[in-house]
N, C-alpha and C. Protein backbone atom coordinates (compact mmCIF):
# COMPACT_ATOMS: atom_id res chain seq x y z
N MET A 1 0.83 -1.21 0.00
CA MET A 1 0.02 -0.02 0.01
C MET A 1 0.85 1.27 0.03
N ARG A 2 1.92 1.24 0.81
CA ARG A 2 2.82 2.41 0.84
C ARG A 2 3.49 2.59 -0.47
N ILE A 3 3.89 1.55 -1.11
CA ILE A 3 4.54 1.67 -2.38
C ILE A 3 3.59 2.29 -3.40
N SER A 4 2.26 1.95 -3.36
CA SER A 4 1.28 2.52 -4.28
C SER A 4 1.17 3.97 -4.11
N ILE A 5 1.11 4.43 -2.86
CA ILE A 5 1.01 5.86 -2.54
C ILE A 5 2.24 6.60 -2.99
N VAL A 6 3.42 6.07 -2.70
CA VAL A 6 4.62 6.73 -3.18
C VAL A 6 4.73 6.73 -4.60
N SER A 7 4.36 5.67 -5.32
CA SER A 7 4.37 5.63 -6.76
C SER A 7 3.42 6.69 -7.35
N PHE A 8 2.28 6.78 -6.78
CA PHE A 8 1.29 7.70 -7.25
C PHE A 8 1.80 9.18 -7.09
N LEU A 9 2.35 9.47 -5.96
CA LEU A 9 2.94 10.75 -5.72
C LEU A 9 4.08 11.12 -6.67
N MET A 10 4.87 10.15 -6.96
CA MET A 10 6.03 10.40 -7.89
C MET A 10 5.46 10.68 -9.30
N VAL A 11 4.47 9.91 -9.77
CA VAL A 11 3.96 10.14 -11.06
C VAL A 11 3.24 11.51 -11.07
N PHE A 12 2.46 11.80 -10.06
CA PHE A 12 1.76 13.10 -10.00
C PHE A 12 2.72 14.26 -10.13
N PHE A 13 3.79 14.25 -9.36
CA PHE A 13 4.70 15.35 -9.43
C PHE A 13 5.47 15.35 -10.73
N ALA A 14 5.79 14.27 -11.31
CA ALA A 14 6.42 14.25 -12.59
C ALA A 14 5.58 14.82 -13.71
N ILE A 15 4.28 14.52 -13.67
CA ILE A 15 3.34 15.03 -14.64
C ILE A 15 3.20 16.57 -14.48
N ASN A 16 3.07 17.00 -13.30
CA ASN A 16 2.93 18.47 -13.03
C ASN A 16 4.23 19.18 -13.42
N ASP A 17 5.39 18.59 -13.18
CA ASP A 17 6.64 19.20 -13.51
C ASP A 17 6.78 19.34 -15.09
N CYS A 18 6.39 18.26 -15.76
CA CYS A 18 6.48 18.27 -17.23
C CYS A 18 5.53 19.35 -17.86
N SER A 19 4.33 19.41 -17.33
CA SER A 19 3.39 20.42 -17.89
C SER A 19 3.82 21.82 -17.61
N HIS A 20 4.46 22.06 -16.46
CA HIS A 20 5.01 23.40 -16.13
C HIS A 20 6.17 23.69 -17.02
N GLN A 21 6.97 22.71 -17.33
CA GLN A 21 8.11 22.91 -18.19
C GLN A 21 7.66 23.31 -19.59
N GLU A 22 6.64 22.73 -20.08
CA GLU A 22 6.10 23.06 -21.44
C GLU A 22 5.61 24.51 -21.50
N LEU A 23 4.95 25.00 -20.39
CA LEU A 23 4.54 26.35 -20.31
C LEU A 23 5.68 27.29 -20.35
N SER A 24 6.71 26.96 -19.65
CA SER A 24 7.89 27.88 -19.57
C SER A 24 8.78 27.76 -20.75
N SER A 25 8.66 26.75 -21.65
CA SER A 25 9.60 26.55 -22.74
C SER A 25 9.27 27.60 -23.81
N ILE A 26 8.05 28.14 -23.91
CA ILE A 26 7.74 29.16 -24.88
C ILE A 26 8.00 30.48 -24.14
N GLN A 27 8.88 31.21 -24.74
CA GLN A 27 9.27 32.52 -24.12
C GLN A 27 8.54 33.73 -24.63
N SER A 28 8.17 33.66 -25.95
CA SER A 28 7.41 34.83 -26.50
C SER A 28 6.81 34.50 -27.84
N PHE A 29 5.84 35.29 -28.17
CA PHE A 29 5.21 35.27 -29.48
C PHE A 29 5.39 36.62 -30.17
N SER A 30 5.57 36.61 -31.41
CA SER A 30 5.69 37.86 -32.19
C SER A 30 4.86 37.76 -33.44
N TYR A 31 4.09 38.79 -33.74
CA TYR A 31 3.33 38.84 -34.94
C TYR A 31 3.63 40.17 -35.65
N GLU A 32 4.16 40.12 -36.85
CA GLU A 32 4.58 41.27 -37.62
C GLU A 32 3.69 41.47 -38.81
N THR A 33 3.23 42.66 -38.99
CA THR A 33 2.53 43.01 -40.27
C THR A 33 3.32 44.17 -40.92
N PHE A 34 3.41 44.11 -42.22
CA PHE A 34 4.19 45.16 -42.93
C PHE A 34 3.82 45.32 -44.35
N THR A 35 4.11 46.45 -44.87
CA THR A 35 3.91 46.76 -46.31
C THR A 35 4.94 47.88 -46.55
N ARG A 36 4.95 48.41 -47.77
CA ARG A 36 5.92 49.48 -48.07
C ARG A 36 5.64 50.67 -47.18
N GLY A 37 6.63 51.09 -46.43
CA GLY A 37 6.51 52.32 -45.63
C GLY A 37 5.92 52.18 -44.24
N SER A 38 5.41 51.02 -43.85
CA SER A 38 4.93 50.87 -42.48
C SER A 38 5.01 49.44 -41.98
N ALA A 39 5.04 49.30 -40.71
CA ALA A 39 5.15 47.94 -40.08
C ALA A 39 4.54 48.07 -38.69
N THR A 40 3.99 46.99 -38.22
CA THR A 40 3.54 46.89 -36.82
C THR A 40 4.01 45.52 -36.27
N VAL A 41 4.61 45.56 -35.10
CA VAL A 41 5.08 44.31 -34.42
C VAL A 41 4.34 44.20 -33.10
N TYR A 42 3.73 43.02 -32.96
CA TYR A 42 3.08 42.71 -31.67
C TYR A 42 3.94 41.66 -31.01
N THR A 43 4.45 41.96 -29.78
CA THR A 43 5.31 41.07 -29.09
C THR A 43 4.65 40.74 -27.79
N ILE A 44 4.51 39.43 -27.48
CA ILE A 44 3.81 38.97 -26.26
C ILE A 44 4.77 38.07 -25.50
N THR A 45 5.04 38.41 -24.21
CA THR A 45 5.83 37.60 -23.30
C THR A 45 4.87 37.19 -22.17
N PRO A 46 5.33 36.37 -21.24
CA PRO A 46 4.47 35.99 -20.12
C PRO A 46 3.98 37.16 -19.24
N GLU A 47 4.71 38.28 -19.34
CA GLU A 47 4.37 39.44 -18.53
C GLU A 47 3.69 40.57 -19.25
N MET A 48 4.05 40.75 -20.56
CA MET A 48 3.65 42.00 -21.26
C MET A 48 3.26 41.72 -22.69
N ILE A 49 2.44 42.64 -23.21
CA ILE A 49 2.19 42.72 -24.65
C ILE A 49 2.66 44.07 -25.10
N ASN A 50 3.44 44.15 -26.16
CA ASN A 50 4.04 45.40 -26.63
C ASN A 50 3.64 45.48 -28.12
N ILE A 51 3.20 46.70 -28.48
CA ILE A 51 2.83 46.95 -29.89
C ILE A 51 3.68 48.14 -30.35
N LYS A 52 4.42 47.97 -31.40
CA LYS A 52 5.25 49.00 -31.97
C LYS A 52 4.92 49.23 -33.45
N SER A 53 4.57 50.39 -33.88
CA SER A 53 4.22 50.71 -35.20
C SER A 53 5.21 51.73 -35.81
N THR A 54 5.48 51.63 -37.03
CA THR A 54 6.32 52.60 -37.79
C THR A 54 5.48 53.09 -38.97
N GLY A 55 5.93 54.20 -39.53
CA GLY A 55 5.22 54.75 -40.70
C GLY A 55 4.40 55.92 -40.26
N LEU A 56 3.30 56.22 -40.97
CA LEU A 56 2.45 57.36 -40.65
C LEU A 56 1.82 57.30 -39.25
N GLU A 57 1.45 56.14 -38.83
CA GLU A 57 0.85 55.97 -37.47
C GLU A 57 1.84 55.39 -36.51
N ALA A 58 3.06 55.97 -36.45
CA ALA A 58 4.12 55.45 -35.56
C ALA A 58 3.73 55.56 -34.16
N GLY A 59 4.12 54.62 -33.34
CA GLY A 59 3.87 54.70 -31.90
C GLY A 59 4.21 53.41 -31.24
N GLU A 60 4.16 53.43 -29.93
CA GLU A 60 4.41 52.21 -29.15
C GLU A 60 3.54 52.24 -27.94
N SER A 61 3.00 51.05 -27.62
CA SER A 61 2.15 50.89 -26.42
C SER A 61 2.35 49.53 -25.87
N SER A 62 2.08 49.43 -24.59
CA SER A 62 2.27 48.14 -23.96
C SER A 62 1.28 48.02 -22.78
N ALA A 63 1.05 46.80 -22.40
CA ALA A 63 0.22 46.54 -21.21
C ALA A 63 0.60 45.20 -20.60
N LYS A 64 0.27 45.01 -19.40
CA LYS A 64 0.51 43.73 -18.69
C LYS A 64 -0.44 42.70 -19.24
N ILE A 65 -0.03 41.47 -19.28
CA ILE A 65 -0.86 40.41 -19.74
C ILE A 65 -1.24 39.50 -18.55
N GLN A 66 -2.50 39.07 -18.51
CA GLN A 66 -2.95 38.21 -17.50
C GLN A 66 -2.41 36.81 -17.70
N LYS A 67 -2.17 36.11 -16.57
CA LYS A 67 -1.60 34.76 -16.65
C LYS A 67 -2.54 33.82 -17.48
N LYS A 68 -3.81 33.98 -17.31
CA LYS A 68 -4.78 33.16 -18.06
C LYS A 68 -4.69 33.37 -19.53
N ASP A 69 -4.41 34.57 -19.98
CA ASP A 69 -4.28 34.92 -21.40
C ASP A 69 -2.97 34.32 -21.97
N TRP A 70 -1.90 34.39 -21.21
CA TRP A 70 -0.64 33.77 -21.67
C TRP A 70 -0.84 32.28 -21.75
N GLU A 71 -1.47 31.63 -20.81
CA GLU A 71 -1.64 30.18 -20.80
C GLU A 71 -2.52 29.78 -21.97
N SER A 72 -3.52 30.64 -22.31
CA SER A 72 -4.34 30.34 -23.49
C SER A 72 -3.54 30.35 -24.78
N LEU A 73 -2.64 31.35 -24.90
CA LEU A 73 -1.77 31.37 -26.05
C LEU A 73 -0.88 30.12 -26.11
N VAL A 74 -0.32 29.81 -24.98
CA VAL A 74 0.58 28.57 -25.01
C VAL A 74 -0.27 27.37 -25.37
N ASN A 75 -1.48 27.23 -24.85
CA ASN A 75 -2.29 26.06 -25.16
C ASN A 75 -2.61 26.02 -26.66
N LYS A 76 -2.85 27.16 -27.29
CA LYS A 76 -3.13 27.13 -28.73
C LYS A 76 -1.80 26.79 -29.46
N ALA A 77 -0.67 27.26 -28.97
CA ALA A 77 0.61 26.92 -29.62
C ALA A 77 0.97 25.44 -29.51
N GLN A 78 0.57 24.82 -28.45
CA GLN A 78 0.75 23.44 -28.20
C GLN A 78 0.07 22.54 -29.26
N LYS A 79 -1.00 23.05 -29.87
CA LYS A 79 -1.75 22.33 -30.89
C LYS A 79 -1.04 22.38 -32.29
N VAL A 80 0.00 23.17 -32.31
CA VAL A 80 0.73 23.36 -33.61
C VAL A 80 2.12 22.73 -33.46
N ASN A 81 2.65 22.13 -34.50
CA ASN A 81 3.97 21.66 -34.47
C ASN A 81 4.93 22.89 -34.77
N ILE A 82 5.38 23.51 -33.67
CA ILE A 82 6.12 24.73 -33.75
C ILE A 82 7.36 24.57 -34.65
N ASN A 83 8.02 23.39 -34.54
CA ASN A 83 9.24 23.16 -35.29
C ASN A 83 8.98 23.16 -36.80
N GLU A 84 7.75 23.03 -37.25
CA GLU A 84 7.42 22.94 -38.68
C GLU A 84 6.67 24.15 -39.25
N ILE A 85 6.53 25.23 -38.45
CA ILE A 85 5.75 26.34 -38.96
C ILE A 85 6.37 27.06 -40.14
N SER A 86 7.66 26.86 -40.33
CA SER A 86 8.26 27.54 -41.49
C SER A 86 7.86 26.84 -42.81
N ARG A 87 7.25 25.72 -42.75
CA ARG A 87 6.83 24.93 -43.91
C ARG A 87 5.40 25.18 -44.28
N LEU A 88 4.70 25.93 -43.48
CA LEU A 88 3.26 26.15 -43.74
C LEU A 88 3.09 27.01 -45.02
N LYS A 89 2.08 26.66 -45.82
CA LYS A 89 1.75 27.40 -46.98
C LYS A 89 0.71 28.47 -46.78
N ALA A 90 0.90 29.62 -47.33
CA ALA A 90 -0.09 30.69 -47.19
C ALA A 90 -1.33 30.38 -48.04
N PRO A 91 -2.50 30.52 -47.51
CA PRO A 91 -3.70 30.21 -48.29
C PRO A 91 -4.04 31.20 -49.36
N SER A 92 -3.46 32.40 -49.40
CA SER A 92 -3.65 33.36 -50.39
C SER A 92 -2.48 34.21 -50.70
N GLU A 93 -2.50 34.98 -51.78
CA GLU A 93 -1.33 35.75 -52.18
C GLU A 93 -1.67 37.21 -52.40
N SER A 94 -2.66 37.76 -51.73
CA SER A 94 -3.01 39.14 -51.93
C SER A 94 -1.89 40.16 -51.62
N ARG A 95 -1.01 39.77 -50.74
CA ARG A 95 0.07 40.67 -50.29
C ARG A 95 1.01 40.92 -51.49
N ALA A 96 1.04 40.06 -52.49
CA ALA A 96 1.90 40.25 -53.65
C ALA A 96 1.56 41.42 -54.52
N SER A 97 0.28 41.83 -54.42
CA SER A 97 -0.19 43.03 -55.13
C SER A 97 -0.61 44.17 -54.29
N ASP A 98 -0.09 44.16 -53.07
CA ASP A 98 -0.43 45.16 -52.02
C ASP A 98 -1.87 45.22 -51.67
N ALA A 99 -2.61 44.19 -51.88
CA ALA A 99 -4.05 44.12 -51.52
C ALA A 99 -4.17 43.72 -50.03
N ALA A 100 -3.07 43.24 -49.42
CA ALA A 100 -3.12 42.82 -48.01
C ALA A 100 -1.68 43.08 -47.49
N LEU A 101 -1.63 43.34 -46.19
CA LEU A 101 -0.31 43.43 -45.51
C LEU A 101 0.39 42.11 -45.48
N HIS A 102 1.60 42.08 -45.53
CA HIS A 102 2.41 40.83 -45.25
C HIS A 102 2.39 40.61 -43.74
N ALA A 103 2.35 39.33 -43.36
CA ALA A 103 2.37 38.96 -41.97
C ALA A 103 3.29 37.81 -41.71
N ILE A 104 3.92 37.80 -40.54
CA ILE A 104 4.79 36.70 -40.13
C ILE A 104 4.56 36.42 -38.61
N LEU A 105 4.38 35.21 -38.29
CA LEU A 105 4.28 34.77 -36.91
C LEU A 105 5.57 34.16 -36.44
N SER A 106 6.04 34.52 -35.28
CA SER A 106 7.29 33.99 -34.74
C SER A 106 7.00 33.48 -33.33
N VAL A 107 7.60 32.36 -32.99
CA VAL A 107 7.44 31.79 -31.61
C VAL A 107 8.93 31.53 -31.14
N ARG A 108 9.18 32.12 -29.98
CA ARG A 108 10.49 31.88 -29.37
C ARG A 108 10.32 30.77 -28.30
N LYS A 109 10.96 29.61 -28.55
CA LYS A 109 10.84 28.49 -27.67
C LYS A 109 12.21 27.87 -27.40
N ASN A 110 12.58 27.67 -26.16
CA ASN A 110 13.87 27.17 -25.80
C ASN A 110 14.99 27.92 -26.51
N ASP A 111 14.95 29.25 -26.44
CA ASP A 111 15.94 30.14 -27.07
C ASP A 111 16.12 30.00 -28.55
N THR A 112 15.14 29.39 -29.24
CA THR A 112 15.15 29.30 -30.69
C THR A 112 13.92 29.96 -31.23
N VAL A 113 14.08 30.82 -32.29
CA VAL A 113 12.94 31.47 -32.87
C VAL A 113 12.51 30.67 -34.12
N TYR A 114 11.18 30.29 -34.07
CA TYR A 114 10.58 29.63 -35.23
C TYR A 114 9.63 30.62 -35.91
N LYS A 115 9.72 30.74 -37.26
CA LYS A 115 8.95 31.72 -38.02
C LYS A 115 8.17 31.04 -39.15
N THR A 116 6.99 31.61 -39.38
CA THR A 116 6.27 31.23 -40.57
C THR A 116 6.82 31.93 -41.77
N ASN A 117 6.50 31.41 -42.93
CA ASN A 117 6.73 32.25 -44.16
C ASN A 117 5.71 33.39 -44.17
N SER A 118 5.92 34.32 -44.98
CA SER A 118 4.99 35.43 -45.10
C SER A 118 3.62 34.94 -45.56
N PHE A 119 2.58 35.58 -45.01
CA PHE A 119 1.20 35.24 -45.45
C PHE A 119 0.35 36.52 -45.35
N ASP A 120 -0.80 36.53 -45.90
CA ASP A 120 -1.67 37.67 -45.91
C ASP A 120 -2.17 37.95 -44.49
N HIS A 121 -2.03 39.21 -44.02
CA HIS A 121 -2.62 39.57 -42.74
C HIS A 121 -4.17 39.41 -42.86
N GLY A 122 -4.74 38.70 -41.91
CA GLY A 122 -6.18 38.43 -41.90
C GLY A 122 -6.49 37.07 -42.55
N ASN A 123 -5.49 36.37 -43.08
CA ASN A 123 -5.72 35.10 -43.70
C ASN A 123 -4.46 34.17 -43.39
N ALA A 124 -4.32 33.84 -42.15
CA ALA A 124 -3.19 33.02 -41.73
C ALA A 124 -3.42 31.51 -42.18
N PRO A 125 -2.37 30.77 -42.32
CA PRO A 125 -2.45 29.37 -42.53
C PRO A 125 -3.35 28.73 -41.48
N SER A 126 -4.19 27.82 -41.81
CA SER A 126 -5.22 27.26 -40.89
C SER A 126 -4.55 26.69 -39.61
N GLU A 127 -3.36 26.15 -39.72
CA GLU A 127 -2.71 25.54 -38.55
C GLU A 127 -2.46 26.58 -37.47
N VAL A 128 -2.15 27.80 -37.82
CA VAL A 128 -1.78 28.83 -36.86
C VAL A 128 -2.88 29.91 -36.70
N LYS A 129 -3.95 29.82 -37.47
CA LYS A 129 -4.98 30.80 -37.40
C LYS A 129 -5.55 31.11 -36.00
N PRO A 130 -5.90 30.04 -35.23
CA PRO A 130 -6.41 30.34 -33.84
C PRO A 130 -5.41 31.12 -32.98
N LEU A 131 -4.14 30.80 -33.11
CA LEU A 131 -3.10 31.48 -32.40
C LEU A 131 -2.93 32.96 -32.83
N VAL A 132 -2.95 33.24 -34.11
CA VAL A 132 -2.87 34.56 -34.63
C VAL A 132 -4.11 35.36 -34.17
N GLN A 133 -5.28 34.76 -34.24
CA GLN A 133 -6.50 35.47 -33.85
C GLN A 133 -6.44 35.80 -32.34
N ALA A 134 -5.91 34.93 -31.53
CA ALA A 134 -5.86 35.13 -30.11
C ALA A 134 -4.81 36.31 -29.82
N ILE A 135 -3.69 36.33 -30.53
CA ILE A 135 -2.75 37.44 -30.38
C ILE A 135 -3.40 38.77 -30.74
N LEU A 136 -4.08 38.80 -31.87
CA LEU A 136 -4.72 40.05 -32.30
C LEU A 136 -5.86 40.51 -31.35
N ARG A 137 -6.57 39.52 -30.81
CA ARG A 137 -7.64 39.85 -29.80
C ARG A 137 -6.99 40.50 -28.56
N LEU A 138 -5.90 39.97 -28.08
CA LEU A 138 -5.23 40.59 -26.98
C LEU A 138 -4.73 41.96 -27.29
N ALA A 139 -4.19 42.13 -28.47
CA ALA A 139 -3.68 43.46 -28.88
C ALA A 139 -4.75 44.55 -28.98
N GLU A 140 -6.02 44.18 -29.23
CA GLU A 140 -7.08 45.11 -29.28
C GLU A 140 -7.27 45.91 -27.93
N ASN A 141 -6.87 45.26 -26.85
CA ASN A 141 -7.05 45.86 -25.52
C ASN A 141 -5.92 46.72 -25.07
N VAL A 142 -4.89 46.86 -25.89
CA VAL A 142 -3.74 47.59 -25.56
C VAL A 142 -3.90 49.04 -26.05
N GLU A 143 -3.75 50.02 -25.20
CA GLU A 143 -3.95 51.44 -25.60
C GLU A 143 -2.65 52.10 -25.92
């Protein structure tokens, strides 16, 4: 009976430690939109969201991020094979004729930055679309 309890406790702590490690392995998310003459970069860390724009509407703003919002982003990222996001195909090519902004999603995980290829802002590859939408939703609340 003692061995069962000790075994259970060891497995419980091992599982909790592994899930915490996964949360802390993603260090930041970055979403960049750009076209000729302007760019906006949304950077999200476990503590802050920062938005920096250049061009005619240049400016910078930031806000603290709630822990539940960070965890939600990480959970969405865990549904994507981060190591393979550079291979995702853009579903449209409107950015080639300036009909849409270029966009790139970056994830910093274990001190390595993983980036998508350029895609149309507002039309992310389906694999990362929920993550991009969550990032943009958080950015709407930053003044």
